[in-house]
Protein backbone atom coordinates (compact mmCIF):
# COMPACT_ATOMS: atom_id res chain seq x y z
CA MET A 1 22.38 -16.56 -14.00
CA ASN A 2 22.35 -16.11 -10.48
CA ALA A 3 20.27 -18.37 -8.62
CA HIS A 4 18.53 -16.16 -6.62
CA ALA A 5 17.41 -13.93 -9.86
CA SER A 6 16.10 -17.52 -11.48
CA SER A 7 13.57 -17.34 -8.54
CA VAL A 8 11.64 -14.62 -9.62
CA PRO A 9 8.40 -15.97 -11.21
CA LYS A 10 8.17 -15.69 -14.91
CA THR A 11 4.60 -14.19 -14.52
CA VAL A 12 5.44 -11.47 -12.48
CA GLY A 13 4.04 -7.94 -13.37
CA ALA A 14 6.48 -5.28 -14.91
CA THR A 15 8.47 -3.06 -12.24
CA CYS A 16 5.59 -0.72 -12.33
CA GLY A 17 2.85 0.05 -14.36
CA LEU A 18 1.92 3.40 -12.96
CA PRO A 19 1.72 6.26 -14.90
CA ALA A 20 4.91 8.75 -15.37
CA ARG A 21 2.82 11.34 -13.27
CA GLY A 22 2.44 12.54 -9.71
CA GLY A 23 0.24 10.54 -7.36
CA VAL A 24 -0.67 11.17 -3.54
CA GLY A 25 -1.21 8.81 -0.64
CA LEU A 26 -5.22 8.13 -0.26
CA LYS A 27 -6.42 9.56 2.98
CA PRO A 28 -9.57 8.59 4.66
CA GLU A 29 -10.13 12.71 5.27
CA HIS A 30 -10.39 12.88 1.26
CA PHE A 31 -12.35 9.80 0.40
CA ARG A 32 -15.86 11.59 -0.45
CA GLU A 33 -13.95 14.75 -1.96
CA VAL A 34 -11.89 12.55 -4.32
CA LEU A 35 -15.17 10.62 -5.53
CA SER A 36 -17.32 13.96 -5.72
CA THR A 37 -14.38 16.14 -7.52
CA LYS A 38 -12.76 13.37 -9.81
CA PRO A 39 -9.59 15.11 -9.34
CA ASP A 40 -6.95 15.16 -12.51
CA ILE A 41 -3.88 12.79 -10.90
CA GLY A 42 -1.68 10.25 -11.97
CA PHE A 43 -2.75 7.26 -9.33
CA PHE A 44 -3.16 6.92 -5.61
CA GLU A 45 -0.88 5.07 -3.08
CA ILE A 46 -2.62 3.12 0.18
CA HIS A 47 -0.64 1.55 2.92
CA ALA A 48 -1.43 -2.06 2.52
CA GLU A 49 -2.04 -2.88 6.78
CA ASN A 50 -4.85 -0.28 6.79
CA TYR A 51 -6.59 -2.41 4.31
CA MET A 52 -6.08 -6.15 5.87
CA VAL A 53 -9.63 -6.57 6.96
CA ASP A 54 -12.62 -8.15 4.54
CA GLY A 55 -14.86 -5.31 4.74
CA GLY A 56 -15.74 -1.65 6.00
CA PRO A 57 -15.84 1.61 4.89
CA PHE A 58 -11.96 1.93 3.64
CA HIS A 59 -12.73 -1.01 1.13
CA HIS A 60 -15.92 0.50 0.50
CA TYR A 61 -14.25 3.87 -0.77
CA LEU A 62 -11.23 2.32 -1.97
CA GLY A 63 -13.09 0.00 -4.47
CA ARG A 64 -15.02 2.93 -6.06
CA ILE A 65 -11.54 5.25 -6.23
CA ARG A 66 -10.06 2.05 -7.80
CA GLU A 67 -12.40 1.97 -10.58
CA ARG A 68 -11.18 5.25 -11.98
CA TYR A 69 -7.33 5.43 -11.06
CA PRO A 70 -4.19 3.82 -11.11
CA LEU A 71 -3.21 2.12 -7.82
CA SER A 72 0.02 1.41 -5.61
CA ILE A 73 0.10 -0.62 -2.52
CA HIS A 74 2.92 0.24 -0.51
CA GLY A 75 4.04 -2.02 2.67
CA VAL A 76 5.23 -1.04 6.08
CA GLY A 77 4.87 -4.55 8.15
CA LEU A 78 6.99 -7.18 6.41
CA SER A 79 10.24 -6.80 8.23
CA ILE A 80 12.00 -7.51 4.98
CA GLY A 81 15.38 -6.73 6.78
CA GLY A 82 14.40 -8.85 10.00
CA GLU A 83 16.42 -11.81 11.42
CA SER A 84 12.98 -13.66 12.21
CA PRO A 85 11.33 -15.53 9.17
CA LEU A 86 8.74 -13.40 7.39
CA ASP A 87 5.07 -13.46 8.82
CA ALA A 88 3.32 -16.24 6.69
CA ASP A 89 -0.21 -14.91 7.80
CA HIS A 90 0.97 -11.19 6.96
CA LEU A 91 2.15 -12.24 3.55
CA ASP A 92 -1.10 -14.23 2.84
CA GLN A 93 -3.07 -11.23 3.90
CA LEU A 94 -1.07 -9.12 1.50
CA ALA A 95 -1.79 -11.42 -1.27
CA ARG A 96 -4.98 -11.11 -0.94
CA LEU A 97 -5.43 -7.63 -0.79
CA LEU A 98 -3.00 -7.74 -4.35
CA ASP A 99 -5.55 -10.00 -5.71
CA ARG A 100 -8.52 -7.96 -4.88
CA TYR A 101 -7.26 -4.55 -6.06
CA GLN A 102 -5.00 -5.66 -8.87
CA PRO A 103 -2.25 -2.76 -7.98
CA GLU A 104 -0.18 -1.38 -10.46
CA SER A 105 2.83 -1.50 -8.13
CA PHE A 106 3.75 -2.96 -5.05
CA SER A 107 6.26 -1.99 -2.59
CA GLU A 108 8.14 -2.46 0.70
CA HIS A 109 10.92 -1.12 2.83
CA LEU A 110 14.72 -2.16 3.15
CA ALA A 111 14.16 -2.23 6.93
CA TRP A 112 12.85 -4.38 9.80
CA ALA A 113 10.13 -3.82 12.14
CA SER A 114 9.66 -6.93 13.82
CA HIS A 115 12.01 -9.37 16.40
CA GLY A 116 10.11 -12.47 17.53
CA GLU A 117 6.93 -11.86 18.66
CA VAL A 118 7.53 -8.27 19.09
CA PHE A 119 6.61 -5.68 16.61
CA LEU A 120 8.19 -2.24 16.23
CA ASN A 121 5.91 0.78 15.08
CA ASP A 122 9.17 1.80 13.36
CA LEU A 123 11.27 0.71 10.13
CA LEU A 124 14.61 0.01 11.60
CA PRO A 125 18.22 0.02 9.54
CA LEU A 126 20.13 -3.03 9.48
CA PRO A 127 23.90 -3.73 8.73
CA TYR A 128 25.23 -4.06 5.45
CA HIS A 129 27.36 -7.51 5.29
CA ALA A 130 27.16 -10.92 3.23
CA ALA A 131 24.83 -12.40 6.14
CA THR A 132 22.34 -9.53 5.96
CA LEU A 133 22.41 -9.57 2.04
CA ALA A 134 21.78 -13.38 1.72
CA ARG A 135 18.72 -13.04 4.32
CA VAL A 136 17.14 -9.74 2.58
CA CYS A 137 17.43 -11.61 -1.14
CA ASP A 138 15.79 -14.70 0.79
CA HIS A 139 13.00 -12.52 1.93
CA VAL A 140 12.45 -10.85 -1.39
CA ASP A 141 12.16 -14.04 -3.04
CA GLN A 142 9.74 -15.35 -0.70
CA VAL A 143 7.37 -12.10 -1.02
CA GLN A 144 7.80 -11.92 -4.69
CA ASN A 145 7.06 -15.70 -5.26
CA ARG A 146 4.10 -15.65 -2.96
CA LEU A 147 2.63 -12.42 -4.75
CA ARG A 148 3.68 -13.26 -7.95
CA HIS A 149 4.29 -9.76 -8.68
CA ARG A 150 7.71 -7.75 -9.06
CA MET A 151 8.11 -5.86 -5.86
CA LEU A 152 9.97 -2.52 -5.57
CA LEU A 153 12.48 -2.16 -2.35
CA GLU A 154 12.53 1.27 -1.00
CA ASN A 155 15.85 2.92 0.05
CA PRO A 156 15.61 4.05 3.85
CA ALA A 157 16.05 7.06 5.77
CA THR A 158 18.80 6.37 8.52
CA TYR A 159 19.97 7.93 11.44
CA VAL A 160 22.47 5.50 12.47
CA GLU A 161 24.58 3.28 10.68
CA PHE A 162 26.54 -0.10 11.52
CA ALA A 163 30.48 -0.30 12.51
CA ALA A 164 29.97 -4.15 11.08
CA SER A 165 28.89 -2.91 7.54
CA THR A 166 31.16 -4.00 4.75
CA MET A 167 29.07 -2.45 2.00
CA ALA A 168 27.74 0.83 0.90
CA GLU A 169 23.97 1.11 1.10
CA THR A 170 23.80 1.33 -2.76
CA GLU A 171 26.12 -1.69 -3.47
CA PHE A 172 23.96 -3.46 -0.97
CA ILE A 173 20.64 -2.34 -2.64
CA ALA A 174 22.37 -3.09 -6.32
CA GLU A 175 23.35 -6.38 -5.17
CA VAL A 176 19.80 -7.44 -4.04
CA VAL A 177 18.18 -6.10 -7.22
CA LEU A 178 20.96 -8.37 -9.25
CA ARG A 179 20.36 -11.55 -7.12
CA THR A 180 16.21 -11.10 -6.83
CA GLY A 181 15.09 -9.18 -9.83
CA CYS A 182 13.33 -6.81 -7.94
CA GLY A 183 12.84 -3.13 -8.79
CA LEU A 184 13.52 0.33 -6.65
CA LEU A 185 11.40 2.51 -5.05
CA LEU A 186 13.82 5.77 -5.21
CA ASP A 187 12.45 7.60 -2.00
CA VAL A 188 14.28 11.07 -2.67
CA ASN A 189 13.46 12.25 0.52
CA ASN A 190 15.30 9.43 2.27
CA VAL A 191 18.02 10.13 0.12
CA TYR A 192 18.35 13.61 1.13
CA VAL A 193 17.64 12.74 4.90
CA ALA A 194 20.47 9.67 5.28
CA CYS A 195 23.01 11.94 3.48
CA VAL A 196 22.91 14.97 5.34
CA ASN A 197 22.78 12.66 8.69
CA HIS A 198 25.99 10.76 7.51
CA HIS A 199 27.54 13.72 5.64
CA ARG A 200 27.43 11.93 2.40
CA ASN A 201 26.60 13.52 -1.30
CA PRO A 202 23.11 12.87 -2.04
CA CYS A 203 23.53 13.17 -5.88
CA ALA A 204 26.60 10.59 -5.50
CA TYR A 205 24.20 8.37 -4.04
CA ILE A 206 21.60 8.32 -6.85
CA ASP A 207 23.98 7.89 -9.56
CA SER A 208 25.32 4.68 -7.68
CA LEU A 209 21.98 2.98 -7.92
CA PRO A 210 21.33 0.86 -10.99
CA PRO A 211 18.77 3.27 -12.86
CA ASP A 212 16.99 0.63 -14.91
CA ALA A 213 15.58 -0.73 -11.72
CA VAL A 214 13.79 2.41 -10.41
CA GLY A 215 10.30 1.94 -11.17
CA GLN A 216 8.83 4.90 -8.79
CA ILE A 217 10.03 7.86 -6.96
CA HIS A 218 8.72 9.21 -3.23
CA LEU A 219 8.96 12.61 -2.22
CA ALA A 220 7.77 14.05 1.38
CA GLY A 221 8.93 16.27 4.20
CA PHE A 222 11.24 16.15 6.68
CA ALA A 223 11.76 17.67 10.23
CA ARG A 224 14.57 18.98 11.98
CA ASP A 225 16.40 18.39 15.05
CA VAL A 226 19.39 17.42 17.01
CA ASP A 227 21.27 14.19 18.15
CA ALA A 228 22.96 13.09 21.60
CA ALA A 229 25.91 15.11 20.51
CA GLY A 230 24.12 18.20 19.80
CA ASP A 231 24.56 17.65 16.03
CA SER A 232 21.86 18.16 13.54
CA LEU A 233 19.58 15.52 12.61
CA LEU A 234 16.85 15.37 9.81
CA ILE A 235 13.84 13.32 10.44
CA ASP A 236 11.98 11.43 7.94
CA SER A 237 8.63 12.56 9.19
CA HIS A 238 6.21 12.88 6.64
CA GLY A 239 4.80 15.95 8.36
CA ALA A 240 5.47 19.01 6.13
CA PRO A 241 5.50 19.93 2.41
CA VAL A 242 8.61 18.55 -0.02
CA ALA A 243 11.56 21.02 0.97
CA GLN A 244 13.39 22.88 -1.56
CA ALA A 245 16.47 20.78 -1.18
CA VAL A 246 14.46 17.52 -2.20
CA TRP A 247 12.51 19.37 -4.87
CA ASP A 248 16.07 20.13 -6.38
CA LEU A 249 17.44 16.43 -5.60
CA TYR A 250 14.32 15.24 -7.46
CA ARG A 251 15.08 17.14 -10.47
CA TYR A 252 18.71 15.60 -10.29
CA ALA A 253 17.16 12.53 -10.57
CA LEU A 254 14.72 13.36 -13.27
CA ASP A 255 17.49 14.20 -15.33
CA ARG A 256 19.49 10.79 -15.07
CA LEU A 257 16.40 8.58 -14.97
CA GLY A 258 13.66 10.23 -17.01
CA PRO A 259 10.16 10.69 -15.90
CA LEU A 260 8.67 7.92 -13.29
CA PRO A 261 5.67 7.53 -11.10
CA THR A 262 5.97 10.26 -8.33
CA LEU A 263 4.34 9.90 -4.97
CA ILE A 264 3.90 12.99 -2.64
CA GLU A 265 3.85 11.17 0.83
CA ARG A 266 1.84 12.92 3.71
CA ASP A 267 1.19 10.63 6.76
CA ASN A 268 1.30 13.38 9.66
CA ASP A 269 -0.22 17.24 9.89
CA ILE A 270 -2.34 15.96 6.79
CA PRO A 271 -3.28 18.70 4.77
CA SER A 272 -6.51 19.78 2.36
CA PHE A 273 -6.46 17.52 -0.74
CA PRO A 274 -6.00 20.63 -3.23
CA VAL A 275 -2.39 21.16 -1.05
CA LEU A 276 -1.25 17.68 -1.87
CA LEU A 277 -2.62 17.79 -5.11
CA ALA A 278 -0.60 20.83 -6.10
CA GLU A 279 2.55 19.09 -5.15
CA ALA A 280 1.61 16.27 -7.22
CA HIS A 281 1.31 19.07 -10.04
CA GLN A 282 4.53 20.40 -9.29
CA ALA A 283 6.25 16.72 -9.56
CA GLU A 284 4.68 16.86 -13.21
CA ARG A 285 5.73 20.04 -14.25
CA LEU A 286 9.39 18.98 -13.05
CA MET A 287 9.14 15.87 -15.35
CA ARG A 288 7.92 18.05 -18.15
CA ASP A 289 10.84 20.36 -17.78
CA ALA A 290 13.49 17.34 -17.78
CA VAL A 291 11.98 15.82 -20.85
CA ALA A 292 12.11 19.44 -22.47
CA ASN A 293 15.95 19.88 -21.26
CA ALA A 294 17.00 16.56 -22.38
CA ALA A 295 15.82 17.46 -25.79
CA ALA A 296 17.20 20.89 -25.80
CA THR A 297 20.51 19.69 -24.38
CA PRO A 298 21.19 16.12 -24.34
CA ALA A 299 24.26 17.01 -22.44
CA ALA A 300 22.24 18.09 -19.47
CA ALA A 301 22.26 14.77 -17.70
CA ASN A 302 26.00 15.51 -17.28
CA SER A 303 25.10 18.55 -15.01
CA SER A 304 26.62 18.96 -11.84
CA CYS A 305 24.85 18.04 -8.66
CA GLY A 306 24.18 21.65 -7.05
CA VAL A 307 22.17 19.84 -3.91
CA GLY A 308 24.54 20.19 -0.48
CA ALA A 309 24.41 17.52 2.24
């Protein structure tokens, strides 16, 4: 057994205890509406860093909503891929938050956001080679041991790549899973964005990931831009509805992986709650379709990609 894998606590939870349904990010604009209407939705997700205080209205509403719905906590500030040691105070605050709400799922990003005392409000890519692999695995081990919870690691949306990389991104991710025992949060929008930007096949990317490790899926919208050379560039904006190409790639992922908890991410230009709920229900319809198709035609899982990059 790999030394890293053995460091995962035997008491950690399952990869993801969320139901295989659609969920949405819980936004302050929707607190009261959620409590008053009690929508039919699979789960809610919060960003951990918005709740790292002892009290206040966010905790007031989250506590009431948590009584009724499963919860996913998604971190954006641990800087798993950073060169600096993990912020012990940040990790302690995160541990207290998980102890308080006992979420069905916890996830973080394969990215870095801080260097020394400087925190950058972004999720930045890292080179994929032996040194960063060892560092990321060490950080994941530290997080899982401190939180006593199995973490889902999210694949990044990238706009540049490092010439120093000696491994493909999917190879790197698979090795982190093997060494640490963590799970995967498959962000389908990130796959599409990165593969379009780097001229790769998004279906091949999904095929290269360890399927049994995927515990949750994210879907989001992207924006279109151009780079310094005038070439098309997709941006993971979380500010638009899920694009049809991402829905198509999600359908492909469901054919391979089966139904999984699926979050609709929207962090900018946030619409009314019914708009987000409709997208969550669309994800559930596609899950049902995937189950029905697999039962009717078991060979469907071998269908062609059909998603351009």
